[in-house]
Protein backbone atom coordinates (compact mmCIF):
# COMPACT_ATOMS: atom_id res chain seq x y z
CA MET A 1 -36.91 82.05 24.28
CA GLY A 2 -36.21 79.72 27.10
CA SER A 3 -39.69 79.41 28.74
CA LEU A 4 -42.99 78.13 27.34
CA GLY A 5 -46.03 80.26 27.32
CA PRO A 6 -49.56 79.16 27.95
CA THR A 7 -50.22 79.24 24.06
CA GLU A 8 -47.37 77.08 23.50
CA LEU A 9 -48.37 74.48 25.87
CA ILE A 10 -51.91 74.38 24.49
CA ILE A 11 -50.67 73.63 21.06
CA ILE A 12 -47.94 71.00 22.22
CA GLY A 13 -51.07 69.39 24.16
CA LEU A 14 -53.32 69.37 20.98
CA ILE A 15 -50.54 67.67 19.25
CA ILE A 16 -50.13 65.07 21.59
CA ILE A 17 -53.91 64.42 21.82
CA LEU A 18 -54.04 64.11 18.08
CA LEU A 19 -50.99 61.84 18.01
CA PHE A 20 -51.85 59.25 20.82
CA GLY A 21 -55.65 59.83 20.91
CA ALA A 22 -57.71 60.89 23.87
CA LYS A 23 -58.51 57.47 24.88
CA LYS A 24 -55.16 56.37 25.33
CA LEU A 25 -53.73 59.28 27.27
CA PRO A 26 -55.25 58.49 30.76
CA ASP A 27 -53.82 54.64 30.24
CA THR A 28 -50.29 56.09 29.17
CA ALA A 29 -50.40 58.34 32.19
CA ARG A 30 -51.49 55.68 34.40
CA ALA A 31 -48.52 53.52 33.23
CA LEU A 32 -46.05 56.25 33.51
CA GLY A 33 -46.96 56.75 36.84
CA GLN A 34 -46.77 53.01 38.06
CA SER A 35 -43.39 52.72 36.33
CA LEU A 36 -42.16 55.90 38.22
CA ARG A 37 -43.44 54.46 41.38
CA LEU A 38 -41.65 51.10 40.91
CA PHE A 39 -38.61 52.66 39.83
CA LYS A 40 -38.69 54.84 43.08
CA LYS A 41 -39.04 51.64 45.13
CA GLU A 42 -36.18 49.72 43.40
CA THR A 43 -33.84 52.57 43.65
CA GLN A 44 -34.89 53.01 47.41
CA LYS A 45 -34.06 49.12 47.78
CA LEU A 46 -30.62 49.41 46.33
CA ARG A 47 -29.67 52.24 48.64
CA GLU A 48 -31.03 50.09 51.51
CA GLU A 49 -28.85 46.98 50.37
CA ASP A 50 -25.89 49.34 49.92
CA ASP A 51 -26.03 50.68 53.55
CA ASP A 52 -26.56 47.14 55.01
CA LYS A 53 -23.57 46.06 53.04
CA SER A 54 -21.38 48.83 54.33
CA THR A 55 -22.54 48.23 57.83
CA VAL A 56 -21.72 44.53 57.33
CA VAL A 57 -18.03 45.39 56.13
CA GLN A 58 -17.61 47.60 59.13
CA ALA A 59 -18.53 45.04 61.45
CA GLN A 60 -16.22 42.68 59.89
CA ALA A 61 -13.29 44.82 59.96
CA GLU A 62 -13.92 45.58 63.62
CA THR A 63 -13.96 41.81 64.35
CA VAL A 64 -10.81 40.89 62.25
CA THR A 65 -8.14 39.79 64.96
CA PRO A 66 -4.41 41.08 63.96
CA GLN A 67 -1.79 38.63 63.33
CA ALA A 68 -0.21 37.06 66.04
CA ALA A 69 3.45 38.42 64.80
CA PRO A 70 4.19 41.11 62.33
CA VAL A 71 5.74 40.16 59.19
CA PRO A 72 9.28 41.59 59.15
CA PRO A 73 10.27 43.65 55.98
CA ALA A 74 12.21 42.19 53.66
CA GLN A 75 16.00 42.21 54.16
CA ILE A 76 17.80 44.11 51.68
CA PRO A 77 21.43 43.54 51.70
CA PRO A 78 23.75 46.49 52.39
CA ALA A 79 24.87 48.26 49.14
CA THR A 80 28.66 47.70 48.09
CA PRO A 81 30.25 50.67 47.23
CA THR A 82 31.16 51.09 43.45
CA PRO A 83 34.60 51.76 42.58
CA SER A 84 35.50 55.21 41.11
CA VAL A 85 36.37 55.31 37.32
CA GLU A 86 40.21 55.56 37.92
CA ASP A 87 40.17 52.74 40.35
CA ARG A 88 38.36 50.64 37.57
CA LEU A 89 40.92 51.68 34.95
CA ARG A 90 43.84 50.87 37.02
CA GLN A 91 42.36 47.46 37.60
CA LEU A 92 41.57 46.52 34.11
CA GLU A 93 45.06 47.76 33.08
CA GLU A 94 46.82 45.30 35.72
CA GLU A 95 44.71 42.65 34.48
CA ASN A 96 45.60 43.52 30.89
CA ALA A 97 49.04 43.47 31.77
CA LYS A 98 48.91 40.21 33.44
CA LEU A 99 47.14 38.63 30.34
CA ARG A 100 49.86 39.99 28.02
CA ALA A 101 52.73 38.63 30.26
CA THR A 102 50.95 35.03 30.17
CA SER A 103 49.98 34.70 26.51
CA GLN A 104 53.46 36.15 25.03
CA PRO A 105 55.52 33.30 24.12
CA ALA A 106 58.91 32.56 25.46
CA ALA A 107 61.75 34.21 23.41
CA GLN A 108 63.58 31.38 21.20
CA PRO A 109 66.81 31.47 20.28
CA SER A 110 67.58 31.84 16.75
CA ASP A 111 69.07 28.80 15.02
CA LYS A 112 71.17 31.11 12.61
CA GLN A 113 74.43 32.29 13.47
CA ASN A 114 76.39 34.43 11.40
C-alpha cells in the first residue's frame, strides 16, 4: 500500500499531462531545475558565511586582552546572629516594663480625709 507500482505512476503522469498540457511540461521542469540550483547555491553561500563568521569570532576571542586587574567580588557584610525567641521575648518584656513605669502617673494624695 505504501509503494506505487508502474500502473499508478503512468496514471499520475497522464493526469499531469492532461492538467498542464504537453507544451508546458518541459518549461515547468526547466524552471523547477533552475530554482533548485539557485536554492542550492544560496544555502551553500549561507553555510560559507556562517563558517566565516565563526572563524572571525574565534579570532576576536583569541586577540581580546584580559583586564589589568580582576574585579573583586562584592563585599558581603558578615551576618549578625539572630536572637533566639526566648531572648527576644525577654527583651520585649523589659521594654514593656520600662514603658509602663514611665507612662504611669505619679500617685496623688487624696484630698478627702475622713
